[in-house]
Amino acid sequence: MEDIDRRGKGVCETGWHDSIEWNEGGWVGIGRGRQVGEKKGGGAGILMKEKAGRTIEEINPTRDIENQLGYNKGDIITVKVREQKEVWWVTVVYMVVEGRGNQEDNIKLFEAMLEIKEKVGRDKWVIMGDMNGHIGLMEERVNRNGELLLDFAERSGCRIKNWELENPTTWRDRNNESAIDYILVNEPVNRQGCRIWKMRM
């Protein structure tokens, strides 16, 4: 789970099916998942804190981009939020573990995000999610998903904020730890002095 300054939280690998929305305890939940009958897993969602002056203008305003790319796995969701005079776009994405059968889907997801960038324009944009990529944060070998992420950051002009963490670990099991979850922001967000932090694992 990733956080964006109390505006919302991004969640991945939800296991949800199709589209889902709910409102409870002052939070609005919006999610997508794979269609019934497709491979289990995946899914992405956003939990948005209700606040005076904050409205969700659009949910998945980029679905047409996915249709053009022939991608409809439910592992990416975008919302467009207006907060007083500011417009924020928030994208949450789940990339599957790299493999021969998965790489094409991951490439399409990054292509979709490049198209989203064009729609965002000068608005603020935050991207977060489980990208199952290694980019050398912990001196590990850069894998294919990591190469895709680094290429996307360069082409989009988005900044990978994980470089600013003193301890970039986002995943840990009994014997290993790694960084596979990322937060990226575009230049309008970065100019505001956006910082990220993470809870202890």
Protein backbone atom coordinates (compact mmCIF):
# COMPACT_ATOMS: atom_id res chain seq x y z
CA MET A 1 0.00 0.00 0.00
CA GLU A 2 1.33 3.43 -0.93
CA ASP A 3 0.26 6.79 0.54
CA ILE A 4 -0.10 10.23 -1.03
CA ASP A 5 -0.15 12.81 1.76
CA ARG A 6 -3.55 11.78 3.14
CA ARG A 7 -5.18 12.43 -0.21
CA GLY A 8 -5.45 8.73 -0.77
CA LYS A 9 -3.89 5.32 -0.69
CA GLY A 10 -3.09 2.98 -3.53
CA VAL A 11 -3.58 -0.77 -3.16
CA CYS A 12 -2.47 -3.58 -5.47
CA GLU A 13 -3.08 -7.29 -5.86
CA THR A 14 -6.57 -6.82 -4.49
CA GLY A 15 -8.03 -9.87 -6.20
CA TRP A 16 -11.15 -7.84 -7.01
CA HIS A 17 -13.22 -8.67 -10.08
CA ASP A 18 -14.37 -6.06 -12.60
CA SER A 19 -15.16 -2.59 -11.11
CA ILE A 20 -15.98 -1.79 -7.51
CA GLU A 21 -16.90 1.38 -5.59
CA TRP A 22 -17.87 1.99 -1.96
CA ASN A 23 -18.09 4.72 0.65
CA GLU A 24 -17.50 4.01 4.32
CA GLY A 25 -16.06 5.77 7.35
CA GLY A 26 -15.16 8.93 5.48
CA TRP A 27 -13.29 7.06 2.73
CA VAL A 28 -14.26 6.44 -0.88
CA GLY A 29 -12.97 3.23 -2.41
CA ILE A 30 -12.58 2.75 -6.16
CA GLY A 31 -11.12 -0.38 -7.67
CA ARG A 32 -10.75 -2.58 -10.69
CA GLY A 33 -9.81 -6.16 -11.15
CA ARG A 34 -9.60 -8.93 -13.65
CA GLN A 35 -12.77 -10.27 -15.15
CA VAL A 36 -14.33 -13.44 -13.82
CA GLY A 37 -12.69 -16.41 -15.53
CA GLU A 38 -9.34 -14.69 -16.05
CA LYS A 39 -6.17 -15.59 -14.17
CA LYS A 40 -6.57 -14.90 -10.45
CA GLY A 41 -4.68 -12.10 -8.71
CA GLY A 42 -3.89 -8.60 -9.84
CA GLY A 43 -6.23 -5.71 -9.40
CA ALA A 44 -5.64 -2.11 -8.37
CA GLY A 45 -7.55 0.36 -6.24
CA ILE A 46 -7.54 3.80 -4.67
CA LEU A 47 -8.87 4.78 -1.25
CA MET A 48 -9.63 8.49 -1.20
CA LYS A 49 -10.28 10.45 2.00
CA GLU A 50 -13.45 12.54 1.83
CA LYS A 51 -12.77 16.22 2.38
CA ALA A 52 -14.61 19.50 1.85
CA GLY A 53 -13.68 20.96 -1.51
CA ARG A 54 -12.42 17.64 -2.89
CA THR A 55 -14.38 15.94 -5.65
CA ILE A 56 -13.64 12.95 -7.83
CA GLU A 57 -14.31 14.24 -11.33
CA GLU A 58 -13.63 11.10 -13.34
CA ILE A 59 -12.91 7.45 -12.73
CA ASN A 60 -10.84 5.73 -15.38
CA PRO A 61 -10.81 8.69 -17.78
CA THR A 62 -8.20 6.74 -19.74
CA ARG A 63 -10.17 3.59 -20.51
CA ASP A 64 -10.14 4.51 -24.19
CA ILE A 65 -6.33 4.28 -24.11
CA GLU A 66 -6.52 0.72 -22.82
CA ASN A 67 -9.01 -0.17 -25.53
CA GLN A 68 -6.67 1.19 -28.21
CA LEU A 69 -3.81 -0.88 -26.80
CA GLY A 70 -5.93 -4.00 -26.48
CA TYR A 71 -5.32 -4.16 -22.75
CA ASN A 72 -8.16 -4.93 -20.34
CA LYS A 73 -6.74 -6.86 -17.39
CA GLY A 74 -7.89 -4.49 -14.65
CA ASP A 75 -4.39 -3.97 -13.24
CA ILE A 76 -4.40 -0.17 -13.67
CA ILE A 77 -6.80 2.46 -12.41
CA THR A 78 -6.74 6.25 -12.71
CA VAL A 79 -8.89 8.87 -11.02
CA LYS A 80 -9.04 12.59 -11.70
CA VAL A 81 -9.58 14.62 -8.55
CA ARG A 82 -10.28 18.32 -8.13
CA GLU A 83 -9.28 19.90 -4.85
CA GLN A 84 -10.31 23.54 -4.89
CA LYS A 85 -8.20 25.03 -7.71
CA GLU A 86 -5.88 22.03 -8.14
CA VAL A 87 -6.45 19.02 -10.36
CA TRP A 88 -4.71 15.78 -9.41
CA TRP A 89 -4.52 12.58 -11.40
CA VAL A 90 -3.73 9.44 -9.43
CA THR A 91 -2.76 6.21 -11.16
CA VAL A 92 -2.29 2.90 -9.36
CA VAL A 93 -0.77 0.05 -11.32
CA TYR A 94 0.16 -3.58 -10.73
CA MET A 95 2.84 -5.16 -12.90
CA VAL A 96 3.01 -8.93 -12.94
CA VAL A 97 6.27 -10.70 -12.16
CA GLU A 98 8.34 -10.72 -15.33
CA GLY A 99 8.20 -13.80 -17.48
CA ARG A 100 7.80 -14.82 -21.08
CA GLY A 101 4.01 -14.66 -20.99
CA ASN A 102 3.76 -11.50 -18.90
CA GLN A 103 6.15 -9.09 -20.55
CA GLU A 104 3.79 -8.02 -23.31
CA ASP A 105 1.13 -7.02 -20.76
CA ASN A 106 3.66 -5.02 -18.74
CA ILE A 107 4.84 -3.20 -21.87
CA LYS A 108 1.23 -2.29 -22.68
CA LEU A 109 0.76 -0.91 -19.17
CA PHE A 110 3.77 1.38 -19.55
CA GLU A 111 2.52 2.43 -23.00
CA ALA A 112 -0.83 3.25 -21.41
CA MET A 113 0.87 5.42 -18.80
CA LEU A 114 2.75 7.33 -21.49
CA GLU A 115 -0.60 8.07 -23.14
CA ILE A 116 -2.06 9.10 -19.77
CA LYS A 117 0.77 11.63 -19.45
CA GLU A 118 -0.53 13.40 -22.55
CA LYS A 119 -4.00 13.66 -21.03
CA VAL A 120 -2.65 14.93 -17.71
CA GLY A 121 -0.92 17.86 -19.38
CA ARG A 122 0.06 20.44 -16.75
CA ASP A 123 -2.08 18.95 -13.99
CA LYS A 124 -0.49 17.13 -11.06
CA TRP A 125 0.08 13.38 -11.44
CA VAL A 126 1.06 10.70 -8.96
CA ILE A 127 1.76 7.10 -10.02
CA MET A 128 2.20 4.34 -7.49
CA GLY A 129 2.04 0.61 -7.32
CA ASP A 130 3.64 -2.79 -7.18
CA MET A 131 5.80 -2.90 -10.28
CA ASN A 132 7.81 -6.01 -9.42
CA GLY A 133 10.84 -4.22 -10.79
CA HIS A 134 14.43 -3.87 -9.62
CA ILE A 135 16.13 -0.62 -10.62
CA GLY A 136 19.33 -0.88 -8.59
CA LEU A 137 18.04 0.85 -5.45
CA MET A 138 19.56 -1.85 -3.27
CA GLU A 139 22.48 -2.64 -5.56
CA GLU A 140 20.53 -5.51 -7.05
CA ARG A 141 20.60 -6.40 -10.73
CA VAL A 142 18.20 -4.34 -12.81
CA ASN A 143 15.56 -6.71 -14.18
CA ARG A 144 13.33 -6.33 -17.24
CA ASN A 145 10.50 -4.70 -15.29
CA GLY A 146 13.07 -2.33 -13.82
CA GLU A 147 14.32 -1.43 -17.30
CA LEU A 148 10.75 -0.66 -18.36
CA LEU A 149 10.24 1.54 -15.29
CA LEU A 150 13.48 3.47 -15.80
CA ASP A 151 12.65 3.95 -19.48
CA PHE A 152 9.17 5.20 -18.59
CA ALA A 153 10.58 7.68 -16.05
CA GLU A 154 12.98 9.08 -18.64
CA ARG A 155 10.39 9.34 -21.41
CA SER A 156 7.65 10.78 -19.21
CA GLY A 157 9.80 13.14 -17.16
CA CYS A 158 8.40 11.62 -13.96
CA ARG A 159 10.64 11.32 -10.93
CA ILE A 160 11.03 8.03 -9.04
CA LYS A 161 10.74 9.23 -5.45
CA ASN A 162 12.07 5.99 -3.91
CA TRP A 163 15.62 7.24 -4.53
CA GLU A 164 15.03 9.66 -1.64
CA LEU A 165 14.36 6.95 0.96
CA GLU A 166 17.10 6.12 3.43
CA ASN A 167 15.89 2.52 3.48
CA PRO A 168 14.14 1.69 0.19
CA THR A 169 12.99 -1.83 1.18
CA THR A 170 9.34 -2.40 0.27
CA TRP A 171 9.19 -6.22 0.39
CA ARG A 172 10.63 -8.67 2.85
CA ASP A 173 10.36 -12.35 3.66
CA ARG A 174 12.29 -14.47 6.10
CA ASN A 175 15.61 -14.36 4.27
CA ASN A 176 15.34 -11.66 1.62
CA GLU A 177 14.38 -8.05 1.16
CA SER A 178 13.87 -5.98 -1.95
CA ALA A 179 12.39 -2.82 -3.44
CA ILE A 180 9.57 -3.58 -5.89
CA ASP A 181 6.94 -0.92 -5.07
CA TYR A 182 7.36 2.61 -6.37
CA ILE A 183 5.95 6.13 -6.28
CA LEU A 184 6.54 8.49 -9.19
CA VAL A 185 5.45 12.11 -9.59
CA ASN A 186 5.45 14.51 -12.49
CA GLU A 187 7.24 17.85 -12.44
CA PRO A 188 4.30 19.96 -11.14
CA VAL A 189 4.13 17.70 -8.06
CA ASN A 190 7.88 17.57 -7.59
CA ARG A 191 8.14 21.37 -7.71
CA GLN A 192 5.91 21.52 -4.64
CA GLY A 193 8.63 19.79 -2.64
CA CYS A 194 6.76 16.50 -2.54
CA ARG A 195 8.39 14.00 -0.18
CA ILE A 196 7.65 10.36 0.50
CA TRP A 197 8.11 8.25 3.58
CA LYS A 198 7.27 4.71 4.52
CA MET A 199 6.19 2.93 7.64
CA ARG A 200 8.55 0.51 9.31
CA MET A 201 8.36 -3.01 7.97
